[in-house]
Amino acid sequence: MTHATHADMLAQAILSTHQARFGGPGILPATSETPSLPVVQQAAWRACRALGFIDVDATCLAQAWQARTERTGRADDLSWPDQPQDFGLGRYPANQPAFATCPQALGLYVVAPDANWIARLAHMGIPTLQLRFKSQDLAAVRSEIKAALAAVRGTDVRLFINDHWQIALEEGAWGVHLGQEDLTALGAANLATLRNAGVRLGVSTHGYAEMVLADQVRPSYIAMGAVYPTTLKAMATAPQGVARLMAYADLLRRQQPPYPLVAIGGIDRERLSEVLPSGVGSVAVVRAVLAAADPQAEAQALMRAMKGSAAEA
């Protein structure tokens, strides 16, 4: 059997086994796109592309498939990769500590656009909030951060500040949340400043490759999404869907110590029953609460549903 024929058979087997779970176009790329890769890695990349994974995630999965083959001595072509070591998770420099820890279950996590909303939400019993204030006016940013921090003072609310990490540190914030682009732009020196300040760091991810990158900085929690379509911001990637969320969460829960996990993107009360079986300890929402006719009632309903799911687990 030739290299190409073997790769074709493996790729088709992987696609056939997992397409019902992940969907995707179902069309295998030509073998000529990966001529120098080992058979298993080539087959896995082609199959993952046919399952709808973008190139960087298909590459990440294919490398994990190959690493597992080399680690175990056998080509387990059909079971989905789920071991952290095969993705390179947990390989940190010896002198790189983790960020300050968060509870494993951050609970309902509401993202709000300004300090006024933070003040309204702070007394609803919601455990985790995020201020996502978008402005180029740094004086206005500082004012909003100050007001948001004042609003949660004396409560048990865990407040994260989105993006504006320098002002957040100067004002004594408990936590900071960064997207992938902001994290990449941060640089080693600023990352060390954040870590040494003792602030908690949450990081957004949109697939396997970004989860691996996030793991390298050892954040306090990892957010995964967008699970469903969302109109709140332009997304560089398509909605991940519940099947991928399940796979992402399964992988990251195996990491030791396991990360607190947050599912985000288009989630509302009706969709909680689809998301919570993934085992995430937190669900982040925006419109589900902020656009509700009665935000407090909706927040309470979401928290009851999450608590009920946790009791059943």
Protein backbone atom coordinates (compact mmCIF):
# COMPACT_ATOMS: atom_id res chain seq x y z
CA MET A 1 0.00 0.00 0.00
CA THR A 2 1.41 3.38 -0.98
CA HIS A 3 1.80 6.32 1.40
CA ALA A 4 -0.94 8.23 -0.45
CA THR A 5 -3.37 5.31 -0.45
CA HIS A 6 -2.84 4.72 3.27
CA ALA A 7 -3.37 8.42 4.00
CA ASP A 8 -6.56 8.40 1.92
CA MET A 9 -7.96 5.44 3.83
CA LEU A 10 -7.13 6.92 7.23
CA ALA A 11 -8.53 10.32 6.34
CA GLN A 12 -11.77 8.80 5.09
CA ALA A 13 -12.07 6.64 8.22
CA ILE A 14 -11.61 9.65 10.52
CA LEU A 15 -14.10 11.70 8.52
CA SER A 16 -16.69 8.93 8.47
CA THR A 17 -16.41 8.32 12.20
CA HIS A 18 -16.66 11.95 13.34
CA GLN A 19 -18.77 13.78 10.75
CA ALA A 20 -22.03 13.07 12.56
CA ARG A 21 -20.53 14.76 15.62
CA PHE A 22 -18.79 17.76 14.10
CA GLY A 23 -20.43 18.24 10.71
CA GLY A 24 -18.35 20.07 8.14
CA PRO A 25 -18.34 20.04 4.33
CA GLY A 26 -17.19 16.42 4.17
CA ILE A 27 -14.82 17.01 1.25
CA LEU A 28 -11.26 15.80 1.80
CA PRO A 29 -8.48 18.12 0.56
CA ALA A 30 -6.07 16.58 -1.91
CA THR A 31 -3.04 14.74 -0.55
CA SER A 32 -0.86 17.15 -2.54
CA GLU A 33 -1.57 19.83 0.08
CA THR A 34 0.44 17.90 2.71
CA PRO A 35 3.04 15.93 0.73
CA SER A 36 5.79 15.81 3.37
CA LEU A 37 3.75 14.96 6.47
CA PRO A 38 3.74 11.52 8.11
CA VAL A 39 0.76 9.37 7.11
CA VAL A 40 -1.26 9.80 10.31
CA GLN A 41 -0.64 13.54 10.53
CA GLN A 42 -1.51 14.04 6.86
CA ALA A 43 -4.69 11.98 7.15
CA ALA A 44 -5.80 13.76 10.33
CA TRP A 45 -5.23 17.22 8.83
CA ARG A 46 -7.25 16.39 5.74
CA ALA A 47 -10.06 14.85 7.78
CA CYS A 48 -10.24 17.79 10.19
CA ARG A 49 -10.39 20.25 7.30
CA ALA A 50 -13.26 18.19 5.88
CA LEU A 51 -14.92 18.35 9.31
CA GLY A 52 -14.90 22.15 9.07
CA PHE A 53 -11.94 23.02 11.31
CA ILE A 54 -9.94 26.04 10.14
CA ASP A 55 -6.37 25.41 9.05
CA VAL A 56 -4.62 26.28 12.32
CA ASP A 57 -6.97 24.04 14.32
CA ALA A 58 -6.72 21.20 11.81
CA THR A 59 -2.93 21.52 12.03
CA CYS A 60 -3.07 21.47 15.84
CA LEU A 61 -5.28 18.37 15.81
CA ALA A 62 -3.12 16.61 13.23
CA GLN A 63 -0.01 17.23 15.32
CA ALA A 64 -1.83 15.83 18.37
CA TRP A 65 -2.89 12.76 16.37
CA GLN A 66 0.73 12.22 15.30
CA ALA A 67 2.07 12.79 18.83
CA ARG A 68 -0.38 10.24 20.23
CA THR A 69 0.67 7.73 17.58
CA GLU A 70 4.33 8.19 18.49
CA ARG A 71 3.59 8.08 22.24
CA THR A 72 1.47 4.93 22.17
CA GLY A 73 3.17 3.14 19.30
CA ARG A 74 -0.09 2.62 17.43
CA ALA A 75 -2.20 4.62 15.06
CA ASP A 76 -5.52 5.04 16.84
CA ASP A 77 -7.07 6.75 13.90
CA LEU A 78 -10.67 6.84 15.03
CA SER A 79 -10.80 8.05 18.64
CA TRP A 80 -10.61 11.83 19.01
CA PRO A 81 -7.38 13.22 20.59
CA ASP A 82 -8.09 14.23 24.20
CA GLN A 83 -4.81 14.03 26.11
CA PRO A 84 -3.09 17.31 27.07
CA GLN A 85 0.43 16.01 26.43
CA ASP A 86 -0.38 15.26 22.80
CA PHE A 87 -1.32 18.92 22.25
CA GLY A 88 1.77 20.18 24.05
CA LEU A 89 -0.26 21.52 26.97
CA GLY A 90 1.61 22.00 30.21
CA ARG A 91 5.03 22.59 28.66
CA TYR A 92 6.07 25.76 30.42
CA PRO A 93 9.46 27.30 31.13
CA ALA A 94 10.62 26.21 34.57
CA ASN A 95 10.61 29.81 35.83
CA GLN A 96 7.09 30.68 34.61
CA PRO A 97 4.49 30.63 37.40
CA ALA A 98 0.76 30.52 36.83
CA PHE A 99 -1.50 33.54 37.21
CA ALA A 100 -3.46 33.91 40.43
CA THR A 101 -6.19 31.31 40.69
CA CYS A 102 -9.96 31.59 40.22
CA PRO A 103 -12.66 29.31 41.56
CA GLN A 104 -13.26 26.33 39.27
CA ALA A 105 -16.91 27.38 39.01
CA LEU A 106 -17.18 31.09 38.23
CA GLY A 107 -20.94 30.66 37.82
CA LEU A 108 -23.07 33.07 35.84
CA TYR A 109 -20.76 35.60 34.20
CA VAL A 110 -22.41 38.74 32.84
CA VAL A 111 -20.50 41.04 30.49
CA ALA A 112 -21.62 44.67 30.69
CA PRO A 113 -20.77 47.74 28.57
CA ASP A 114 -20.42 50.36 31.29
CA ALA A 115 -20.18 51.07 35.01
CA ASN A 116 -23.87 51.88 35.30
CA TRP A 117 -24.71 48.34 34.28
CA ILE A 118 -22.07 46.96 36.62
CA ALA A 119 -23.69 48.88 39.47
CA ARG A 120 -27.13 47.45 38.58
CA LEU A 121 -25.81 43.90 38.29
CA ALA A 122 -23.59 43.97 41.38
CA HIS A 123 -26.49 43.53 43.78
CA MET A 124 -28.33 40.79 41.89
CA GLY A 125 -26.29 37.95 43.35
CA ILE A 126 -24.41 37.38 40.10
CA PRO A 127 -20.99 35.96 41.06
CA THR A 128 -18.86 37.19 38.14
CA LEU A 129 -19.02 40.35 36.04
CA GLN A 130 -16.92 41.88 33.30
CA LEU A 131 -16.68 45.53 32.31
CA ARG A 132 -16.27 45.71 28.53
CA PHE A 133 -16.12 49.46 28.01
CA LYS A 134 -15.07 50.41 24.49
CA SER A 135 -13.50 53.84 24.11
CA GLN A 136 -10.30 55.47 22.89
CA ASP A 137 -10.69 58.17 25.52
CA LEU A 138 -8.40 56.97 28.30
CA ALA A 139 -9.81 59.46 30.79
CA ALA A 140 -13.28 58.05 30.16
CA VAL A 141 -11.92 54.51 30.45
CA ARG A 142 -10.34 55.28 33.81
CA SER A 143 -13.54 56.90 35.04
CA GLU A 144 -15.61 53.84 34.06
CA ILE A 145 -13.15 51.41 35.65
CA LYS A 146 -13.09 53.42 38.88
CA ALA A 147 -16.88 53.55 38.97
CA ALA A 148 -17.20 49.82 38.24
CA LEU A 149 -14.70 48.91 40.97
CA ALA A 150 -16.55 51.16 43.41
CA ALA A 151 -19.85 49.50 42.47
CA VAL A 152 -18.66 46.02 43.48
CA ARG A 153 -16.77 47.10 46.59
CA GLY A 154 -18.26 45.42 49.64
CA THR A 155 -19.88 42.67 47.57
CA ASP A 156 -18.65 39.17 46.69
CA VAL A 157 -18.65 39.96 42.98
CA ARG A 158 -15.57 38.98 40.98
CA LEU A 159 -15.06 41.81 38.50
CA PHE A 160 -12.89 41.47 35.40
CA ILE A 161 -11.85 44.45 33.29
CA ASN A 162 -11.72 43.82 29.55
CA ASP A 163 -8.65 44.96 27.58
CA HIS A 164 -7.57 48.08 29.51
CA TRP A 165 -5.14 46.15 31.69
CA GLN A 166 -2.74 48.97 32.58
CA ILE A 167 -5.47 51.23 33.96
CA ALA A 168 -7.07 48.20 35.61
CA LEU A 169 -3.85 47.45 37.48
CA GLU A 170 -3.38 51.08 38.49
CA GLU A 171 -6.92 51.16 39.89
CA GLY A 172 -6.54 47.88 41.80
CA ALA A 173 -8.72 45.57 39.70
CA TRP A 174 -9.29 41.97 40.84
CA GLY A 175 -9.14 40.53 37.33
CA VAL A 176 -8.41 41.33 33.70
CA HIS A 177 -9.77 39.65 30.58
CA LEU A 178 -7.89 39.70 27.27
CA GLY A 179 -8.69 38.51 23.77
CA GLN A 180 -6.15 36.65 21.67
CA GLU A 181 -4.92 39.70 19.77
CA ASP A 182 -4.46 41.69 22.98
CA LEU A 183 -2.67 38.77 24.59
CA THR A 184 -0.32 38.40 21.63
CA ALA A 185 0.42 42.13 21.59
CA LEU A 186 1.15 42.17 25.31
CA GLY A 187 4.72 40.92 25.13
CA ALA A 188 6.74 39.08 27.76
CA ALA A 189 7.53 42.13 29.92
CA ASN A 190 3.92 43.30 30.21
CA LEU A 191 2.76 39.75 30.80
CA ALA A 192 5.21 39.48 33.69
CA THR A 193 3.93 42.80 35.06
CA LEU A 194 0.39 41.46 35.06
CA ARG A 195 1.38 38.17 36.66
CA ASN A 196 3.54 39.80 39.32
CA ALA A 197 0.70 42.15 40.26
CA GLY A 198 -1.32 39.15 41.42
CA VAL A 199 -4.23 39.99 39.13
CA ARG A 200 -6.39 37.18 37.71
CA LEU A 201 -6.23 36.77 33.95
CA GLY A 202 -8.97 35.36 31.74
CA VAL A 203 -8.28 34.64 28.07
CA SER A 204 -10.67 34.22 25.13
CA THR A 205 -10.14 31.28 22.77
CA HIS A 206 -11.86 30.20 19.56
CA GLY A 207 -10.43 26.76 18.91
CA TYR A 208 -7.61 24.31 19.61
CA ALA A 209 -4.71 26.46 18.43
CA GLU A 210 -5.76 29.42 20.57
CA MET A 211 -6.30 27.17 23.60
CA VAL A 212 -2.73 25.91 23.23
CA LEU A 213 -1.45 29.49 23.00
CA ALA A 214 -3.49 30.54 26.04
CA ASP A 215 -2.13 27.62 28.03
CA GLN A 216 1.42 28.89 27.49
CA VAL A 217 0.75 31.93 29.70
CA ARG A 218 -1.04 29.83 32.37
CA PRO A 219 -4.06 32.14 32.80
CA SER A 220 -6.59 32.02 35.63
CA TYR A 221 -9.39 30.80 33.35
CA ILE A 222 -10.00 30.04 29.70
CA ALA A 223 -13.12 31.19 27.86
CA MET A 224 -14.29 29.15 24.86
CA GLY A 225 -16.56 30.39 22.10
CA ALA A 226 -18.42 31.73 20.42
CA VAL A 227 -20.61 28.68 20.94
CA TYR A 228 -23.57 30.11 19.01
CA PRO A 229 -23.90 33.00 16.55
CA THR A 230 -23.69 36.39 18.19
CA THR A 231 -24.39 39.87 16.85
CA LEU A 232 -22.52 41.73 19.58
CA LYS A 233 -19.12 41.72 17.88
CA ALA A 234 -17.55 40.65 14.61
CA MET A 235 -16.06 37.17 15.04
CA ALA A 236 -13.01 36.04 13.10
CA THR A 237 -14.19 32.43 13.30
CA ALA A 238 -17.54 30.76 12.72
CA PRO A 239 -19.59 29.70 15.76
CA GLN A 240 -17.91 26.70 17.38
CA GLY A 241 -21.04 24.76 18.22
CA VAL A 242 -21.78 22.48 21.14
CA ALA A 243 -19.86 19.45 19.81
CA ARG A 244 -16.61 21.41 19.67
CA LEU A 245 -17.30 23.00 23.05
CA MET A 246 -17.63 19.48 24.50
CA ALA A 247 -14.31 18.44 22.97
CA TYR A 248 -12.50 21.61 24.09
CA ALA A 249 -13.79 21.33 27.64
CA ASP A 250 -12.95 17.62 27.81
CA LEU A 251 -9.36 18.33 26.82
CA LEU A 252 -8.84 21.26 29.19
CA ARG A 253 -10.41 19.44 32.16
CA ARG A 254 -7.71 16.78 31.76
CA GLN A 255 -4.98 19.38 32.15
CA GLN A 256 -3.49 19.40 35.66
CA PRO A 257 -4.42 21.46 37.45
CA PRO A 258 -7.60 21.87 35.37
CA TYR A 259 -8.53 25.34 34.20
CA PRO A 260 -11.76 27.03 35.22
CA LEU A 261 -13.72 27.08 31.96
CA VAL A 262 -16.18 29.65 30.63
CA ALA A 263 -18.54 29.07 27.69
CA ILE A 264 -19.51 32.25 25.84
CA GLY A 265 -21.35 33.39 22.75
CA GLY A 266 -25.06 33.50 22.03
CA ILE A 267 -26.01 31.54 25.16
CA ASP A 268 -29.40 32.11 26.76
CA ARG A 269 -31.66 30.21 29.13
CA GLU A 270 -33.07 28.03 26.37
CA ARG A 271 -29.58 26.93 25.33
CA LEU A 272 -28.21 26.24 28.80
CA SER A 273 -29.33 22.62 28.67
CA GLU A 274 -27.11 22.14 25.59
CA VAL A 275 -24.06 23.90 27.05
CA LEU A 276 -23.93 22.77 30.68
CA PRO A 277 -23.32 19.04 29.93
CA SER A 278 -19.88 20.11 28.68
CA GLY A 279 -18.90 20.51 32.32
CA VAL A 280 -17.95 24.18 32.13
CA GLY A 281 -18.10 25.92 35.49
CA SER A 282 -19.28 29.20 34.05
CA VAL A 283 -21.49 30.58 31.30
CA ALA A 284 -20.93 34.13 30.09
CA VAL A 285 -23.87 36.09 28.74
CA VAL A 286 -24.60 39.58 27.53
CA ARG A 287 -27.95 40.03 25.81
CA ALA A 288 -29.58 37.18 27.73
CA VAL A 289 -29.57 39.43 30.81
CA LEU A 290 -29.01 42.97 29.56
CA ALA A 291 -31.73 42.79 26.90
CA ALA A 292 -34.24 41.00 29.14
CA ALA A 293 -37.45 42.77 30.10
CA ASP A 294 -36.50 42.10 33.73
CA PRO A 295 -32.71 41.62 33.96
CA GLN A 296 -32.76 40.62 37.62
CA ALA A 297 -35.45 37.99 37.11
CA GLU A 298 -33.61 36.60 34.10
CA ALA A 299 -30.30 36.49 35.98
CA GLN A 300 -31.96 34.63 38.84
CA ALA A 301 -33.55 32.16 36.42
CA LEU A 302 -30.19 31.51 34.76
CA MET A 303 -28.48 30.96 38.10
CA ARG A 304 -31.22 28.57 39.25
CA ALA A 305 -30.85 26.58 36.06
CA MET A 306 -27.07 26.41 36.46
CA LYS A 307 -27.36 25.40 40.10
CA GLY A 308 -29.88 22.70 39.23
CA SER A 309 -27.58 21.31 36.54
CA ALA A 310 -24.63 21.26 38.96
CA ALA A 311 -26.72 19.39 41.56
CA GLU A 312 -27.62 16.74 38.98
CA ALA A 313 -24.02 16.24 37.85
